[in-house]
Amino acid sequence: MVAERKGRWKLEDAKARFSEVVRRAASEGPQTVTVRGREAAVVLSSEQYEKLRPAPAERPSLLELLRSVDLEGLDLTREPDYGRDVDL
């Protein structure tokens, strides 16, 4: 019921000893979980996970986006067309 090799767990063992898997991920590094001998998942510490995640893209707020639009040169006058006559 122990890890096959350091940092490697059968699924059944990982389920039964999940607290230990998480603790070892934090102290020893990534813990690999296998299903039928094949790698299926890796448990990482939150610090390691954050290092792997891409930095969030800086996006302007809607207000900043609207303020950045250059309106000079745009014709914003409304067409005088009032539509068509409809008989009801």
PDB file of N, CA and C in Angstrom:
ATOM      1  N   MET A   1       0.804  -1.199   0.000  1.00  0.00           N
ATOM      2  CA  MET A   1       0.000   0.000   0.000  1.00  0.00           C
ATOM      3  C   MET A   1       0.849   1.266   0.000  1.00  0.00           C
ATOM      4  N   VAL A   2       2.105   1.142  -0.246  1.00  0.00           N
ATOM      5  CA  VAL A   2       2.967   2.315  -0.313  1.00  0.00           C
ATOM      6  C   VAL A   2       3.196   2.662  -1.770  1.00  0.00           C
ATOM      7  N   ALA A   3       3.733   3.844  -1.983  1.00  0.00           N
ATOM      8  CA  ALA A   3       4.020   4.255  -3.352  1.00  0.00           C
ATOM      9  C   ALA A   3       4.954   3.243  -3.995  1.00  0.00           C
ATOM     10  N   GLU A   4       4.658   2.848  -5.250  1.00  0.00           N
ATOM     11  CA  GLU A   4       5.500   1.882  -5.964  1.00  0.00           C
ATOM     12  C   GLU A   4       6.938   2.373  -5.975  1.00  0.00           C
ATOM     13  N   ARG A   5       7.125   3.557  -6.485  1.00  0.00           N
ATOM     14  CA  ARG A   5       8.409   4.238  -6.466  1.00  0.00           C
ATOM     15  C   ARG A   5       8.138   5.607  -5.883  1.00  0.00           C
ATOM     16  N   LYS A   6       9.180   6.272  -5.510  1.00  0.00           N
ATOM     17  CA  LYS A   6       8.997   7.599  -4.912  1.00  0.00           C
ATOM     18  C   LYS A   6       8.183   8.486  -5.861  1.00  0.00           C
ATOM     19  N   GLY A   7       7.077   9.003  -5.366  1.00  0.00           N
ATOM     20  CA  GLY A   7       6.251   9.903  -6.157  1.00  0.00           C
ATOM     21  C   GLY A   7       5.344   9.223  -7.157  1.00  0.00           C
ATOM     22  N   ARG A   8       5.154   7.930  -7.047  1.00  0.00           N
ATOM     23  CA  ARG A   8       4.322   7.190  -7.999  1.00  0.00           C
ATOM     24  C   ARG A   8       3.330   6.331  -7.216  1.00  0.00           C
ATOM     25  N   TRP A   9       2.042   6.462  -7.552  1.00  0.00           N
ATOM     26  CA  TRP A   9       0.987   5.784  -6.803  1.00  0.00           C
ATOM     27  C   TRP A   9       0.025   5.068  -7.741  1.00  0.00           C
ATOM     28  N   LYS A  10      -0.404   3.870  -7.342  1.00  0.00           N
ATOM     29  CA  LYS A  10      -1.523   3.224  -8.026  1.00  0.00           C
ATOM     30  C   LYS A  10      -2.781   3.983  -7.613  1.00  0.00           C
ATOM     31  N   LEU A  11      -3.752   4.028  -8.488  1.00  0.00           N
ATOM     32  CA  LEU A  11      -4.982   4.779  -8.207  1.00  0.00           C
ATOM     33  C   LEU A  11      -5.629   4.335  -6.896  1.00  0.00           C
ATOM     34  N   GLU A  12      -5.704   3.047  -6.675  1.00  0.00           N
ATOM     35  CA  GLU A  12      -6.357   2.539  -5.457  1.00  0.00           C
ATOM     36  C   GLU A  12      -5.645   3.055  -4.207  1.00  0.00           C
ATOM     37  N   ASP A  13      -4.308   3.046  -4.243  1.00  0.00           N
ATOM     38  CA  ASP A  13      -3.532   3.521  -3.094  1.00  0.00           C
ATOM     39  C   ASP A  13      -3.674   5.030  -2.923  1.00  0.00           C
ATOM     40  N   ALA A  14      -3.665   5.748  -4.039  1.00  0.00           N
ATOM     41  CA  ALA A  14      -3.795   7.208  -3.969  1.00  0.00           C
ATOM     42  C   ALA A  14      -5.148   7.595  -3.382  1.00  0.00           C
ATOM     43  N   LYS A  15      -6.201   6.866  -3.754  1.00  0.00           N
ATOM     44  CA  LYS A  15      -7.528   7.152  -3.204  1.00  0.00           C
ATOM     45  C   LYS A  15      -7.560   6.885  -1.705  1.00  0.00           C
ATOM     46  N   ALA A  16      -6.979   5.775  -1.296  1.00  0.00           N
ATOM     47  CA  ALA A  16      -7.008   5.386   0.114  1.00  0.00           C
ATOM     48  C   ALA A  16      -6.135   6.293   0.979  1.00  0.00           C
ATOM     49  N   ARG A  17      -5.097   6.885   0.381  1.00  0.00           N
ATOM     50  CA  ARG A  17      -4.148   7.685   1.169  1.00  0.00           C
ATOM     51  C   ARG A  17      -3.979   9.077   0.564  1.00  0.00           C
ATOM     52  N   PHE A  18      -5.082   9.645   0.144  1.00  0.00           N
ATOM     53  CA  PHE A  18      -5.028  10.928  -0.568  1.00  0.00           C
ATOM     54  C   PHE A  18      -4.356  12.028   0.249  1.00  0.00           C
ATOM     55  N   SER A  19      -4.605  12.080   1.535  1.00  0.00           N
ATOM     56  CA  SER A  19      -3.964  13.095   2.384  1.00  0.00           C
ATOM     57  C   SER A  19      -2.447  12.989   2.303  1.00  0.00           C
ATOM     58  N   GLU A  20      -1.945  11.768   2.294  1.00  0.00           N
ATOM     59  CA  GLU A  20      -0.500  11.575   2.192  1.00  0.00           C
ATOM     60  C   GLU A  20       0.013  11.984   0.806  1.00  0.00           C
ATOM     61  N   VAL A  21      -0.751  11.682  -0.231  1.00  0.00           N
ATOM     62  CA  VAL A  21      -0.359  12.080  -1.592  1.00  0.00           C
ATOM     63  C   VAL A  21      -0.226  13.597  -1.660  1.00  0.00           C
ATOM     64  N   VAL A  22      -1.201  14.306  -1.105  1.00  0.00           N
ATOM     65  CA  VAL A  22      -1.173  15.774  -1.119  1.00  0.00           C
ATOM     66  C   VAL A  22       0.000  16.290  -0.289  1.00  0.00           C
ATOM     67  N   ARG A  23       0.209  15.719   0.875  1.00  0.00           N
ATOM     68  CA  ARG A  23       1.321  16.148   1.737  1.00  0.00           C
ATOM     69  C   ARG A  23       2.660  15.937   1.037  1.00  0.00           C
ATOM     70  N   ARG A  24       2.813  14.790   0.392  1.00  0.00           N
ATOM     71  CA  ARG A  24       4.064  14.516  -0.325  1.00  0.00           C
ATOM     72  C   ARG A  24       4.230  15.429  -1.544  1.00  0.00           C
ATOM     73  N   ALA A  25       3.145  15.773  -2.194  1.00  0.00           N
ATOM     74  CA  ALA A  25       3.238  16.702  -3.328  1.00  0.00           C
ATOM     75  C   ALA A  25       3.797  18.038  -2.856  1.00  0.00           C
ATOM     76  N   ALA A  26       3.394  18.458  -1.659  1.00  0.00           N
ATOM     77  CA  ALA A  26       3.880  19.729  -1.112  1.00  0.00           C
ATOM     78  C   ALA A  26       5.333  19.633  -0.648  1.00  0.00           C
ATOM     79  N   SER A  27       5.717  18.482  -0.110  1.00  0.00           N
ATOM     80  CA  SER A  27       7.066  18.383   0.468  1.00  0.00           C
ATOM     81  C   SER A  27       8.106  17.762  -0.465  1.00  0.00           C
ATOM     82  N   GLU A  28       7.693  16.836  -1.326  1.00  0.00           N
ATOM     83  CA  GLU A  28       8.652  16.106  -2.162  1.00  0.00           C
ATOM     84  C   GLU A  28       8.566  16.446  -3.644  1.00  0.00           C
ATOM     85  N   GLY A  29       7.456  17.013  -4.061  1.00  0.00           N
ATOM     86  CA  GLY A  29       7.295  17.309  -5.483  1.00  0.00           C
ATOM     87  C   GLY A  29       6.117  16.557  -6.075  1.00  0.00           C
ATOM     88  N   PRO A  30       5.939  16.655  -7.382  1.00  0.00           N
ATOM     89  CA  PRO A  30       4.784  16.046  -8.048  1.00  0.00           C
ATOM     90  C   PRO A  30       4.641  14.557  -7.747  1.00  0.00           C
ATOM     91  N   GLN A  31       3.396  14.138  -7.565  1.00  0.00           N
ATOM     92  CA  GLN A  31       3.067  12.742  -7.300  1.00  0.00           C
ATOM     93  C   GLN A  31       2.249  12.223  -8.481  1.00  0.00           C
ATOM     94  N   THR A  32       2.733  11.181  -9.119  1.00  0.00           N
ATOM     95  CA  THR A  32       2.076  10.617 -10.296  1.00  0.00           C
ATOM     96  C   THR A  32       1.132   9.503  -9.871  1.00  0.00           C
ATOM     97  N   VAL A  33      -0.076   9.521 -10.421  1.00  0.00           N
ATOM     98  CA  VAL A  33      -1.071   8.490 -10.146  1.00  0.00           C
ATOM     99  C   VAL A  33      -1.221   7.660 -11.420  1.00  0.00           C
ATOM    100  N   THR A  34      -1.158   6.336 -11.262  1.00  0.00           N
ATOM    101  CA  THR A  34      -1.257   5.450 -12.418  1.00  0.00           C
ATOM    102  C   THR A  34      -2.546   4.639 -12.375  1.00  0.00           C
ATOM    103  N   VAL A  35      -3.025   4.300 -13.563  1.00  0.00           N
ATOM    104  CA  VAL A  35      -4.179   3.413 -13.717  1.00  0.00           C
ATOM    105  C   VAL A  35      -3.725   2.297 -14.654  1.00  0.00           C
ATOM    106  N   ARG A  36      -3.772   1.076 -14.160  1.00  0.00           N
ATOM    107  CA  ARG A  36      -3.313  -0.088 -14.922  1.00  0.00           C
ATOM    108  C   ARG A  36      -1.888   0.106 -15.448  1.00  0.00           C
ATOM    109  N   GLY A  37      -1.042   0.707 -14.623  1.00  0.00           N
ATOM    110  CA  GLY A  37       0.358   0.883 -14.977  1.00  0.00           C
ATOM    111  C   GLY A  37       0.672   2.081 -15.859  1.00  0.00           C
ATOM    112  N   ARG A  38      -0.347   2.804 -16.300  1.00  0.00           N
ATOM    113  CA  ARG A  38      -0.127   3.968 -17.161  1.00  0.00           C
ATOM    114  C   ARG A  38      -0.376   5.247 -16.373  1.00  0.00           C
ATOM    115  N   GLU A  39       0.449   6.252 -16.631  1.00  0.00           N
ATOM    116  CA  GLU A  39       0.283   7.536 -15.946  1.00  0.00           C
ATOM    117  C   GLU A  39      -1.072   8.140 -16.305  1.00  0.00           C
ATOM    118  N   ALA A  40      -1.827   8.525 -15.277  1.00  0.00           N
ATOM    119  CA  ALA A  40      -3.165   9.058 -15.504  1.00  0.00           C
ATOM    120  C   ALA A  40      -3.321  10.485 -14.989  1.00  0.00           C
ATOM    121  N   ALA A  41      -2.612  10.820 -13.919  1.00  0.00           N
ATOM    122  CA  ALA A  41      -2.762  12.150 -13.325  1.00  0.00           C
ATOM    123  C   ALA A  41      -1.518  12.479 -12.515  1.00  0.00           C
ATOM    124  N   VAL A  42      -1.372  13.774 -12.246  1.00  0.00           N
ATOM    125  CA  VAL A  42      -0.261  14.240 -11.414  1.00  0.00           C
ATOM    126  C   VAL A  42      -0.825  15.192 -10.373  1.00  0.00           C
ATOM    127  N   VAL A  43      -0.466  14.978  -9.122  1.00  0.00           N
ATOM    128  CA  VAL A  43      -0.869  15.870  -8.036  1.00  0.00           C
ATOM    129  C   VAL A  43       0.307  16.800  -7.759  1.00  0.00           C
ATOM    130  N   LEU A  44       0.039  18.111  -7.843  1.00  0.00           N
ATOM    131  CA  LEU A  44       1.061  19.136  -7.625  1.00  0.00           C
ATOM    132  C   LEU A  44       0.723  19.973  -6.414  1.00  0.00           C
ATOM    133  N   SER A  45       1.741  20.585  -5.827  1.00  0.00           N
ATOM    134  CA  SER A  45       1.470  21.580  -4.787  1.00  0.00           C
ATOM    135  C   SER A  45       0.878  22.804  -5.474  1.00  0.00           C
ATOM    136  N   SER A  46       0.175  23.623  -4.724  1.00  0.00           N
ATOM    137  CA  SER A  46      -0.420  24.821  -5.320  1.00  0.00           C
ATOM    138  C   SER A  46       0.664  25.768  -5.833  1.00  0.00           C
ATOM    139  N   GLU A  47       1.819  25.810  -5.158  1.00  0.00           N
ATOM    140  CA  GLU A  47       2.929  26.660  -5.618  1.00  0.00           C
ATOM    141  C   GLU A  47       3.427  26.210  -6.985  1.00  0.00           C
ATOM    142  N   GLN A  48       3.602  24.904  -7.153  1.00  0.00           N
ATOM    143  CA  GLN A  48       4.069  24.387  -8.439  1.00  0.00           C
ATOM    144  C   GLN A  48       3.040  24.648  -9.530  1.00  0.00           C
ATOM    145  N   TYR A  49       1.770  24.489  -9.189  1.00  0.00           N
ATOM    146  CA  TYR A  49       0.705  24.733 -10.164  1.00  0.00           C
ATOM    147  C   TYR A  49       0.710  26.190 -10.614  1.00  0.00           C
ATOM    148  N   GLU A  50       0.843  27.122  -9.675  1.00  0.00           N
ATOM    149  CA  GLU A  50       0.848  28.546 -10.016  1.00  0.00           C
ATOM    150  C   GLU A  50       2.018  28.897 -10.929  1.00  0.00           C
ATOM    151  N   LYS A  51       3.156  28.236 -10.745  1.00  0.00           N
ATOM    152  CA  LYS A  51       4.314  28.488 -11.612  1.00  0.00           C
ATOM    153  C   LYS A  51       4.041  28.040 -13.045  1.00  0.00           C
ATOM    154  N   LEU A  52       3.225  27.014 -13.207  1.00  0.00           N
ATOM    155  CA  LEU A  52       2.925  26.483 -14.538  1.00  0.00           C
ATOM    156  C   LEU A  52       1.847  27.277 -15.270  1.00  0.00           C
ATOM    157  N   ARG A  53       0.981  27.916 -14.510  1.00  0.00           N
ATOM    158  CA  ARG A  53      -0.118  28.672 -15.131  1.00  0.00           C
ATOM    159  C   ARG A  53       0.414  29.912 -15.829  1.00  0.00           C
ATOM    160  N   PRO A  54      -0.163  30.244 -16.989  1.00  0.00           N
ATOM    161  CA  PRO A  54       0.243  31.497 -17.631  1.00  0.00           C
ATOM    162  C   PRO A  54      -0.275  32.680 -16.818  1.00  0.00           C
ATOM    163  N   ALA A  55       0.462  33.758 -16.871  1.00  0.00           N
ATOM    164  CA  ALA A  55       0.032  34.964 -16.157  1.00  0.00           C
ATOM    165  C   ALA A  55      -1.270  35.458 -16.779  1.00  0.00           C
ATOM    166  N   PRO A  56      -2.205  35.929 -15.962  1.00  0.00           N
ATOM    167  CA  PRO A  56      -3.461  36.433 -16.522  1.00  0.00           C
ATOM    168  C   PRO A  56      -3.189  37.651 -17.402  1.00  0.00           C
ATOM    169  N   ALA A  57      -3.856  37.674 -18.527  1.00  0.00           N
ATOM    170  CA  ALA A  57      -3.679  38.788 -19.461  1.00  0.00           C
ATOM    171  C   ALA A  57      -4.322  40.042 -18.886  1.00  0.00           C
ATOM    172  N   GLU A  58      -3.617  41.139 -19.010  1.00  0.00           N
ATOM    173  CA  GLU A  58      -4.166  42.417 -18.562  1.00  0.00           C
ATOM    174  C   GLU A  58      -5.158  42.901 -19.610  1.00  0.00           C
ATOM    175  N   ARG A  59      -6.392  43.039 -19.209  1.00  0.00           N
ATOM    176  CA  ARG A  59      -7.412  43.524 -20.132  1.00  0.00           C
ATOM    177  C   ARG A  59      -7.935  44.849 -19.616  1.00  0.00           C
ATOM    178  N   PRO A  60      -8.128  45.802 -20.529  1.00  0.00           N
ATOM    179  CA  PRO A  60      -8.671  47.087 -20.082  1.00  0.00           C
ATOM    180  C   PRO A  60     -10.141  46.930 -19.688  1.00  0.00           C
ATOM    181  N   SER A  61     -10.596  47.801 -18.809  1.00  0.00           N
ATOM    182  CA  SER A  61     -12.009  47.791 -18.443  1.00  0.00           C
ATOM    183  C   SER A  61     -12.805  48.326 -19.627  1.00  0.00           C
ATOM    184  N   LEU A  62     -14.103  48.135 -19.606  1.00  0.00           N
ATOM    185  CA  LEU A  62     -14.956  48.634 -20.686  1.00  0.00           C
ATOM    186  C   LEU A  62     -14.830  50.144 -20.799  1.00  0.00           C
ATOM    187  N   LEU A  63     -14.797  50.833 -19.672  1.00  0.00           N
ATOM    188  CA  LEU A  63     -14.669  52.289 -19.683  1.00  0.00           C
ATOM    189  C   LEU A  63     -13.353  52.709 -20.338  1.00  0.00           C
ATOM    190  N   GLU A  64     -12.260  52.047 -19.974  1.00  0.00           N
ATOM    191  CA  GLU A  64     -10.965  52.370 -20.585  1.00  0.00           C
ATOM    192  C   GLU A  64     -10.986  52.096 -22.085  1.00  0.00           C
ATOM    193  N   LEU A  65     -11.619  51.020 -22.470  1.00  0.00           N
ATOM    194  CA  LEU A  65     -11.717  50.672 -23.885  1.00  0.00           C
ATOM    195  C   LEU A  65     -12.508  51.726 -24.650  1.00  0.00           C
ATOM    196  N   LEU A  66     -13.641  52.152 -24.105  1.00  0.00           N
ATOM    197  CA  LEU A  66     -14.457  53.169 -24.777  1.00  0.00           C
ATOM    198  C   LEU A  66     -13.734  54.504 -24.847  1.00  0.00           C
ATOM    199  N   ARG A  67     -13.012  54.848 -23.800  1.00  0.00           N
ATOM    200  CA  ARG A  67     -12.271  56.113 -23.798  1.00  0.00           C
ATOM    201  C   ARG A  67     -11.114  56.100 -24.798  1.00  0.00           C
ATOM    202  N   SER A  68     -10.619  54.931 -25.132  1.00  0.00           N
ATOM    203  CA  SER A  68      -9.477  54.847 -26.041  1.00  0.00           C
ATOM    204  C   SER A  68      -9.874  54.927 -27.515  1.00  0.00           C
ATOM    205  N   VAL A  69     -11.170  54.849 -27.810  1.00  0.00           N
ATOM    206  CA  VAL A  69     -11.623  54.897 -29.204  1.00  0.00           C
ATOM    207  C   VAL A  69     -11.456  56.312 -29.746  1.00  0.00           C
ATOM    208  N   ASP A  70     -10.795  56.426 -30.898  1.00  0.00           N
ATOM    209  CA  ASP A  70     -10.585  57.727 -31.543  1.00  0.00           C
ATOM    210  C   ASP A  70     -11.798  58.030 -32.416  1.00  0.00           C
ATOM    211  N   LEU A  71     -12.606  58.995 -31.996  1.00  0.00           N
ATOM    212  CA  LEU A  71     -13.828  59.334 -32.733  1.00  0.00           C
ATOM    213  C   LEU A  71     -13.601  60.415 -33.778  1.00  0.00           C
ATOM    214  N   GLU A  72     -12.430  61.007 -33.768  1.00  0.00           N
ATOM    215  CA  GLU A  72     -12.142  62.071 -34.725  1.00  0.00           C
ATOM    216  C   GLU A  72     -12.162  61.495 -36.139  1.00  0.00           C
ATOM    217  N   GLY A  73     -12.841  62.186 -37.018  1.00  0.00           N
ATOM    218  CA  GLY A  73     -12.925  61.740 -38.402  1.00  0.00           C
ATOM    219  C   GLY A  73     -14.110  60.838 -38.681  1.00  0.00           C
ATOM    220  N   LEU A  74     -14.836  60.430 -37.651  1.00  0.00           N
ATOM    221  CA  LEU A  74     -16.022  59.601 -37.872  1.00  0.00           C
ATOM    222  C   LEU A  74     -17.247  60.489 -38.053  1.00  0.00           C
ATOM    223  N   ASP A  75     -18.090  60.141 -39.015  1.00  0.00           N
ATOM    224  CA  ASP A  75     -19.339  60.873 -39.229  1.00  0.00           C
ATOM    225  C   ASP A  75     -20.411  60.197 -38.386  1.00  0.00           C
ATOM    226  N   LEU A  76     -20.794  60.849 -37.290  1.00  0.00           N
ATOM    227  CA  LEU A  76     -21.759  60.261 -36.367  1.00  0.00           C
ATOM    228  C   LEU A  76     -23.144  60.885 -36.486  1.00  0.00           C
ATOM    229  N   THR A  77     -23.403  61.602 -37.598  1.00  0.00           N
ATOM    230  CA  THR A  77     -24.727  62.206 -37.781  1.00  0.00           C
ATOM    231  C   THR A  77     -25.715  61.136 -38.227  1.00  0.00           C
ATOM    232  N   ARG A  78     -26.956  61.289 -37.785  1.00  0.00           N
ATOM    233  CA  ARG A  78     -27.993  60.323 -38.101  1.00  0.00           C
ATOM    234  C   ARG A  78     -28.612  60.659 -39.444  1.00  0.00           C
ATOM    235  N   GLU A  79     -28.949  59.633 -40.194  1.00  0.00           N
ATOM    236  CA  GLU A  79     -29.621  59.829 -41.475  1.00  0.00           C
ATOM    237  C   GLU A  79     -31.025  60.383 -41.215  1.00  0.00           C
ATOM    238  N   PRO A  80     -31.463  61.339 -42.026  1.00  0.00           N
ATOM    239  CA  PRO A  80     -32.792  61.934 -41.818  1.00  0.00           C
ATOM    240  C   PRO A  80     -33.939  61.049 -42.295  1.00  0.00           C
ATOM    241  N   ASP A  81     -33.696  59.874 -42.774  1.00  0.00           N
ATOM    242  CA  ASP A  81     -34.743  58.981 -43.270  1.00  0.00           C
ATOM    243  C   ASP A  81     -35.634  58.551 -42.102  1.00  0.00           C
ATOM    244  N   TYR A  82     -36.930  58.765 -42.239  1.00  0.00           N
ATOM    245  CA  TYR A  82     -37.881  58.428 -41.174  1.00  0.00           C
ATOM    246  C   TYR A  82     -38.577  57.093 -41.422  1.00  0.00           C
ATOM    247  N   GLY A  83     -38.123  56.349 -42.390  1.00  0.00           N
ATOM    248  CA  GLY A  83     -38.742  55.063 -42.676  1.00  0.00           C
ATOM    249  C   GLY A  83     -39.819  55.195 -43.728  1.00  0.00           C
ATOM    250  N   ARG A  84     -40.679  54.213 -43.838  1.00  0.00           N
ATOM    251  CA  ARG A  84     -41.734  54.236 -44.855  1.00  0.00           C
ATOM    252  C   ARG A  84     -43.091  54.344 -44.194  1.00  0.00           C
ATOM    253  N   ASP A  85     -44.049  54.792 -44.971  1.00  0.00           N
ATOM    254  CA  ASP A  85     -45.429  54.865 -44.486  1.00  0.00           C
ATOM    255  C   ASP A  85     -46.040  53.472 -44.527  1.00  0.00           C
ATOM    256  N   VAL A  86     -46.777  53.132 -43.468  1.00  0.00           N
ATOM    257  CA  VAL A  86     -47.408  51.822 -43.382  1.00  0.00           C
ATOM    258  C   VAL A  86     -48.890  52.029 -43.154  1.00  0.00           C
ATOM    259  N   ASP A  87     -49.720  51.349 -43.958  1.00  0.00           N
ATOM    260  CA  ASP A  87     -51.173  51.397 -43.762  1.00  0.00           C
ATOM    261  C   ASP A  87     -51.562  50.304 -42.776  1.00  0.00           C
ATOM    262  N   LEU A  88     -52.224  50.705 -41.700  1.00  0.00           N
ATOM    263  CA  LEU A  88     -52.661  49.719 -40.714  1.00  0.00           C
ATOM    264  C   LEU A  88     -54.132  49.480 -40.813  1.00  0.00           C
TER     265      LEU A  88
END
